[in-house]
Amino acid sequence: MGAEIRDVHAAVLRGQERDAAFAEQARRYPGFADYQRRTERIIPVIALTPTTGPGPAANQA
């Protein structure tokens, strides 16, 4: 978030974990839930977990 550059692991959330993360995002940003209501597809939710320390991406800034 912000200007920090880090290497991360990305994982697609599924089931209850996805639903809980989506609900929290919709609570913070009400327009987020509106977008889901306007489509028939399930909007993917991706969890980003920082890897240890700054990685190669930090050198590309």
PDB file of N, CA and C in Angstrom:
ATOM      1  N   MET A   1       0.837  -1.168   0.000  1.00  0.00           N
ATOM      2  CA  MET A   1       0.000   0.000   0.000  1.00  0.00           C
ATOM      3  C   MET A   1       0.886   1.235   0.000  1.00  0.00           C
ATOM      4  N   GLY A   2       0.414   2.264  -0.620  1.00  0.00           N
ATOM      5  CA  GLY A   2       1.180   3.493  -0.658  1.00  0.00           C
ATOM      6  C   GLY A   2       2.355   3.377  -1.606  1.00  0.00           C
ATOM      7  N   ALA A   3       3.469   4.020  -1.262  1.00  0.00           N
ATOM      8  CA  ALA A   3       4.630   4.069  -2.141  1.00  0.00           C
ATOM      9  C   ALA A   3       5.620   2.938  -1.892  1.00  0.00           C
ATOM     10  N   GLU A   4       5.371   2.115  -0.899  1.00  0.00           N
ATOM     11  CA  GLU A   4       6.287   1.028  -0.586  1.00  0.00           C
ATOM     12  C   GLU A   4       6.246  -0.039  -1.672  1.00  0.00           C
ATOM     13  N   ILE A   5       7.425  -0.510  -2.065  1.00  0.00           N
ATOM     14  CA  ILE A   5       7.529  -1.582  -3.056  1.00  0.00           C
ATOM     15  C   ILE A   5       8.060  -2.819  -2.345  1.00  0.00           C
ATOM     16  N   ARG A   6       7.314  -3.912  -2.450  1.00  0.00           N
ATOM     17  CA  ARG A   6       7.703  -5.166  -1.803  1.00  0.00           C
ATOM     18  C   ARG A   6       7.364  -6.326  -2.709  1.00  0.00           C
ATOM     19  N   ASP A   7       8.085  -7.408  -2.548  1.00  0.00           N
ATOM     20  CA  ASP A   7       7.705  -8.657  -3.197  1.00  0.00           C
ATOM     21  C   ASP A   7       6.618  -9.298  -2.343  1.00  0.00           C
ATOM     22  N   VAL A   8       5.619  -9.856  -3.002  1.00  0.00           N
ATOM     23  CA  VAL A   8       4.510 -10.479  -2.281  1.00  0.00           C
ATOM     24  C   VAL A   8       4.156 -11.810  -2.925  1.00  0.00           C
ATOM     25  N   HIS A   9       3.467 -12.620  -2.156  1.00  0.00           N
ATOM     26  CA  HIS A   9       2.865 -13.848  -2.667  1.00  0.00           C
ATOM     27  C   HIS A   9       1.384 -13.553  -2.840  1.00  0.00           C
ATOM     28  N   ALA A  10       0.823 -13.852  -4.005  1.00  0.00           N
ATOM     29  CA  ALA A  10      -0.599 -13.628  -4.273  1.00  0.00           C
ATOM     30  C   ALA A  10      -1.338 -14.959  -4.243  1.00  0.00           C
ATOM     31  N   ALA A  11      -2.479 -14.973  -3.559  1.00  0.00           N
ATOM     32  CA  ALA A  11      -3.296 -16.188  -3.476  1.00  0.00           C
ATOM     33  C   ALA A  11      -4.764 -15.811  -3.657  1.00  0.00           C
ATOM     34  N   VAL A  12      -5.460 -16.542  -4.522  1.00  0.00           N
ATOM     35  CA  VAL A  12      -6.893 -16.326  -4.724  1.00  0.00           C
ATOM     36  C   VAL A  12      -7.632 -16.924  -3.532  1.00  0.00           C
ATOM     37  N   LEU A  13      -8.458 -16.101  -2.880  1.00  0.00           N
ATOM     38  CA  LEU A  13      -9.256 -16.587  -1.756  1.00  0.00           C
ATOM     39  C   LEU A  13     -10.505 -17.264  -2.286  1.00  0.00           C
ATOM     40  N   ARG A  14     -10.950 -18.294  -1.586  1.00  0.00           N
ATOM     41  CA  ARG A  14     -12.132 -19.045  -2.014  1.00  0.00           C
ATOM     42  C   ARG A  14     -13.052 -19.285  -0.821  1.00  0.00           C
ATOM     43  N   GLY A  15     -14.311 -19.578  -1.123  1.00  0.00           N
ATOM     44  CA  GLY A  15     -15.280 -19.965  -0.100  1.00  0.00           C
ATOM     45  C   GLY A  15     -15.498 -18.889   0.948  1.00  0.00           C
ATOM     46  N   GLN A  16     -15.590 -19.329   2.206  1.00  0.00           N
ATOM     47  CA  GLN A  16     -15.876 -18.410   3.307  1.00  0.00           C
ATOM     48  C   GLN A  16     -14.788 -17.367   3.493  1.00  0.00           C
ATOM     49  N   GLU A  17     -13.543 -17.747   3.233  1.00  0.00           N
ATOM     50  CA  GLU A  17     -12.435 -16.798   3.359  1.00  0.00           C
ATOM     51  C   GLU A  17     -12.600 -15.663   2.352  1.00  0.00           C
ATOM     52  N   ARG A  18     -12.971 -15.992   1.120  1.00  0.00           N
ATOM     53  CA  ARG A  18     -13.211 -14.989   0.085  1.00  0.00           C
ATOM     54  C   ARG A  18     -14.395 -14.111   0.468  1.00  0.00           C
ATOM     55  N   ASP A  19     -15.475 -14.747   0.914  1.00  0.00           N
ATOM     56  CA  ASP A  19     -16.684 -14.004   1.261  1.00  0.00           C
ATOM     57  C   ASP A  19     -16.429 -13.017   2.396  1.00  0.00           C
ATOM     58  N   ALA A  20     -15.665 -13.424   3.403  1.00  0.00           N
ATOM     59  CA  ALA A  20     -15.361 -12.546   4.534  1.00  0.00           C
ATOM     60  C   ALA A  20     -14.502 -11.362   4.096  1.00  0.00           C
ATOM     61  N   ALA A  21     -13.492 -11.616   3.269  1.00  0.00           N
ATOM     62  CA  ALA A  21     -12.633 -10.535   2.787  1.00  0.00           C
ATOM     63  C   ALA A  21     -13.421  -9.579   1.896  1.00  0.00           C
ATOM     64  N   PHE A  22     -14.294 -10.116   1.047  1.00  0.00           N
ATOM     65  CA  PHE A  22     -15.115  -9.276   0.177  1.00  0.00           C
ATOM     66  C   PHE A  22     -16.054  -8.413   1.011  1.00  0.00           C
ATOM     67  N   ALA A  23     -16.686  -8.998   2.030  1.00  0.00           N
ATOM     68  CA  ALA A  23     -17.606  -8.248   2.887  1.00  0.00           C
ATOM     69  C   ALA A  23     -16.886  -7.112   3.608  1.00  0.00           C
ATOM     70  N   GLU A  24     -15.669  -7.357   4.071  1.00  0.00           N
ATOM     71  CA  GLU A  24     -14.897  -6.303   4.739  1.00  0.00           C
ATOM     72  C   GLU A  24     -14.562  -5.181   3.764  1.00  0.00           C
ATOM     73  N   GLN A  25     -14.176  -5.531   2.552  1.00  0.00           N
ATOM     74  CA  GLN A  25     -13.872  -4.516   1.541  1.00  0.00           C
ATOM     75  C   GLN A  25     -15.123  -3.709   1.208  1.00  0.00           C
ATOM     76  N   ALA A  26     -16.266  -4.379   1.090  1.00  0.00           N
ATOM     77  CA  ALA A  26     -17.530  -3.697   0.790  1.00  0.00           C
ATOM     78  C   ALA A  26     -17.946  -2.794   1.948  1.00  0.00           C
ATOM     79  N   ARG A  27     -17.628  -3.191   3.177  1.00  0.00           N
ATOM     80  CA  ARG A  27     -17.932  -2.345   4.334  1.00  0.00           C
ATOM     81  C   ARG A  27     -17.117  -1.054   4.279  1.00  0.00           C
ATOM     82  N   ARG A  28     -15.856  -1.182   3.880  1.00  0.00           N
ATOM     83  CA  ARG A  28     -14.970  -0.013   3.813  1.00  0.00           C
ATOM     84  C   ARG A  28     -15.285   0.883   2.619  1.00  0.00           C
ATOM     85  N   TYR A  29     -15.658   0.282   1.500  1.00  0.00           N
ATOM     86  CA  TYR A  29     -15.918   1.004   0.252  1.00  0.00           C
ATOM     87  C   TYR A  29     -17.249   0.530  -0.317  1.00  0.00           C
ATOM     88  N   PRO A  30     -18.367   1.195   0.039  1.00  0.00           N
ATOM     89  CA  PRO A  30     -19.701   0.725  -0.360  1.00  0.00           C
ATOM     90  C   PRO A  30     -19.872   0.502  -1.867  1.00  0.00           C
ATOM     91  N   GLY A  31     -19.208   1.249  -2.715  1.00  0.00           N
ATOM     92  CA  GLY A  31     -19.312   1.061  -4.156  1.00  0.00           C
ATOM     93  C   GLY A  31     -18.806  -0.295  -4.612  1.00  0.00           C
ATOM     94  N   PHE A  32     -17.973  -0.905  -3.811  1.00  0.00           N
ATOM     95  CA  PHE A  32     -17.411  -2.215  -4.132  1.00  0.00           C
ATOM     96  C   PHE A  32     -18.520  -3.256  -4.251  1.00  0.00           C
ATOM     97  N   ALA A  33     -19.455  -3.255  -3.323  1.00  0.00           N
ATOM     98  CA  ALA A  33     -20.575  -4.204  -3.349  1.00  0.00           C
ATOM     99  C   ALA A  33     -21.513  -3.907  -4.511  1.00  0.00           C
ATOM    100  N   ASP A  34     -21.649  -2.637  -4.874  1.00  0.00           N
ATOM    101  CA  ASP A  34     -22.504  -2.274  -6.010  1.00  0.00           C
ATOM    102  C   ASP A  34     -22.003  -2.930  -7.290  1.00  0.00           C
ATOM    103  N   TYR A  35     -20.694  -2.966  -7.464  1.00  0.00           N
ATOM    104  CA  TYR A  35     -20.122  -3.577  -8.657  1.00  0.00           C
ATOM    105  C   TYR A  35     -20.486  -5.063  -8.728  1.00  0.00           C
ATOM    106  N   GLN A  36     -20.427  -5.757  -7.593  1.00  0.00           N
ATOM    107  CA  GLN A  36     -20.777  -7.182  -7.578  1.00  0.00           C
ATOM    108  C   GLN A  36     -22.241  -7.387  -7.963  1.00  0.00           C
ATOM    109  N   ARG A  37     -23.104  -6.505  -7.509  1.00  0.00           N
ATOM    110  CA  ARG A  37     -24.535  -6.638  -7.823  1.00  0.00           C
ATOM    111  C   ARG A  37     -24.823  -6.443  -9.308  1.00  0.00           C
ATOM    112  N   ARG A  38     -23.948  -5.728 -10.014  1.00  0.00           N
ATOM    113  CA  ARG A  38     -24.182  -5.446 -11.436  1.00  0.00           C
ATOM    114  C   ARG A  38     -23.620  -6.512 -12.367  1.00  0.00           C
ATOM    115  N   THR A  39     -23.015  -7.539 -11.823  1.00  0.00           N
ATOM    116  CA  THR A  39     -22.441  -8.581 -12.670  1.00  0.00           C
ATOM    117  C   THR A  39     -22.915  -9.959 -12.208  1.00  0.00           C
ATOM    118  N   GLU A  40     -22.846 -10.920 -13.106  1.00  0.00           N
ATOM    119  CA  GLU A  40     -23.233 -12.289 -12.761  1.00  0.00           C
ATOM    120  C   GLU A  40     -22.045 -13.115 -12.288  1.00  0.00           C
ATOM    121  N   ARG A  41     -20.848 -12.661 -12.601  1.00  0.00           N
ATOM    122  CA  ARG A  41     -19.661 -13.430 -12.219  1.00  0.00           C
ATOM    123  C   ARG A  41     -19.268 -13.120 -10.778  1.00  0.00           C
ATOM    124  N   ILE A  42     -18.532 -14.016 -10.186  1.00  0.00           N
ATOM    125  CA  ILE A  42     -17.987 -13.795  -8.845  1.00  0.00           C
ATOM    126  C   ILE A  42     -16.688 -13.005  -9.000  1.00  0.00           C
ATOM    127  N   ILE A  43     -16.608 -11.879  -8.341  1.00  0.00           N
ATOM    128  CA  ILE A  43     -15.397 -11.065  -8.416  1.00  0.00           C
ATOM    129  C   ILE A  43     -14.314 -11.732  -7.571  1.00  0.00           C
ATOM    130  N   PRO A  44     -13.165 -12.022  -8.169  1.00  0.00           N
ATOM    131  CA  PRO A  44     -12.091 -12.663  -7.405  1.00  0.00           C
ATOM    132  C   PRO A  44     -11.554 -11.729  -6.319  1.00  0.00           C
ATOM    133  N   VAL A  45     -11.117 -12.316  -5.224  1.00  0.00           N
ATOM    134  CA  VAL A  45     -10.453 -11.577  -4.155  1.00  0.00           C
ATOM    135  C   VAL A  45      -9.072 -12.200  -3.995  1.00  0.00           C
ATOM    136  N   ILE A  46      -8.053 -11.360  -4.056  1.00  0.00           N
ATOM    137  CA  ILE A  46      -6.669 -11.817  -4.001  1.00  0.00           C
ATOM    138  C   ILE A  46      -6.037 -11.343  -2.696  1.00  0.00           C
ATOM    139  N   ALA A  47      -5.431 -12.250  -1.952  1.00  0.00           N
ATOM    140  CA  ALA A  47      -4.698 -11.895  -0.735  1.00  0.00           C
ATOM    141  C   ALA A  47      -3.228 -11.741  -1.099  1.00  0.00           C
ATOM    142  N   LEU A  48      -2.635 -10.626  -0.691  1.00  0.00           N
ATOM    143  CA  LEU A  48      -1.215 -10.379  -0.915  1.00  0.00           C
ATOM    144  C   LEU A  48      -0.489 -10.498   0.416  1.00  0.00           C
ATOM    145  N   THR A  49       0.477 -11.397   0.473  1.00  0.00           N
ATOM    146  CA  THR A  49       1.255 -11.610   1.684  1.00  0.00           C
ATOM    147  C   THR A  49       2.700 -11.228   1.398  1.00  0.00           C
ATOM    148  N   PRO A  50       3.250 -10.239   2.122  1.00  0.00           N
ATOM    149  CA  PRO A  50       4.641  -9.843   1.869  1.00  0.00           C
ATOM    150  C   PRO A  50       5.597 -11.010   2.095  1.00  0.00           C
ATOM    151  N   THR A  51       6.588 -11.100   1.233  1.00  0.00           N
ATOM    152  CA  THR A  51       7.654 -12.072   1.448  1.00  0.00           C
ATOM    153  C   THR A  51       8.656 -11.433   2.403  1.00  0.00           C
ATOM    154  N   THR A  52       9.649 -12.171   2.832  1.00  0.00           N
ATOM    155  CA  THR A  52      10.610 -11.667   3.807  1.00  0.00           C
ATOM    156  C   THR A  52      11.489 -10.582   3.200  1.00  0.00           C
ATOM    157  N   GLY A  53      11.481  -9.415   3.830  1.00  0.00           N
ATOM    158  CA  GLY A  53      12.355  -8.316   3.439  1.00  0.00           C
ATOM    159  C   GLY A  53      12.066  -7.767   2.060  1.00  0.00           C
ATOM    160  N   PRO A  54      12.695  -6.638   1.724  1.00  0.00           N
ATOM    161  CA  PRO A  54      12.521  -6.082   0.381  1.00  0.00           C
ATOM    162  C   PRO A  54      13.180  -6.997  -0.640  1.00  0.00           C
ATOM    163  N   GLY A  55      12.505  -7.199  -1.733  1.00  0.00           N
ATOM    164  CA  GLY A  55      13.021  -8.106  -2.751  1.00  0.00           C
ATOM    165  C   GLY A  55      13.476  -7.361  -3.979  1.00  0.00           C
ATOM    166  N   PRO A  56      13.648  -8.070  -5.090  1.00  0.00           N
ATOM    167  CA  PRO A  56      14.111  -7.468  -6.336  1.00  0.00           C
ATOM    168  C   PRO A  56      13.233  -6.320  -6.810  1.00  0.00           C
ATOM    169  N   ALA A  57      11.935  -6.353  -6.496  1.00  0.00           N
ATOM    170  CA  ALA A  57      11.045  -5.280  -6.938  1.00  0.00           C
ATOM    171  C   ALA A  57      11.477  -3.942  -6.361  1.00  0.00           C
ATOM    172  N   ALA A  58      12.054  -3.922  -5.167  1.00  0.00           N
ATOM    173  CA  ALA A  58      12.479  -2.674  -4.538  1.00  0.00           C
ATOM    174  C   ALA A  58      13.581  -1.998  -5.343  1.00  0.00           C
ATOM    175  N   ASN A  59      14.360  -2.764  -6.070  1.00  0.00           N
ATOM    176  CA  ASN A  59      15.446  -2.204  -6.869  1.00  0.00           C
ATOM    177  C   ASN A  59      14.963  -1.608  -8.178  1.00  0.00           C
ATOM    178  N   GLN A  60      13.693  -1.839  -8.533  1.00  0.00           N
ATOM    179  CA  GLN A  60      13.162  -1.350  -9.802  1.00  0.00           C
ATOM    180  C   GLN A  60      12.470  -0.005  -9.663  1.00  0.00           C
ATOM    181  N   ALA A  61      12.409   0.551  -8.475  1.00  0.00           N
ATOM    182  CA  ALA A  61      11.702   1.821  -8.247  1.00  0.00           C
ATOM    183  C   ALA A  61      12.454   2.980  -8.838  1.00  0.00           C
TER     184      ALA A  61
END
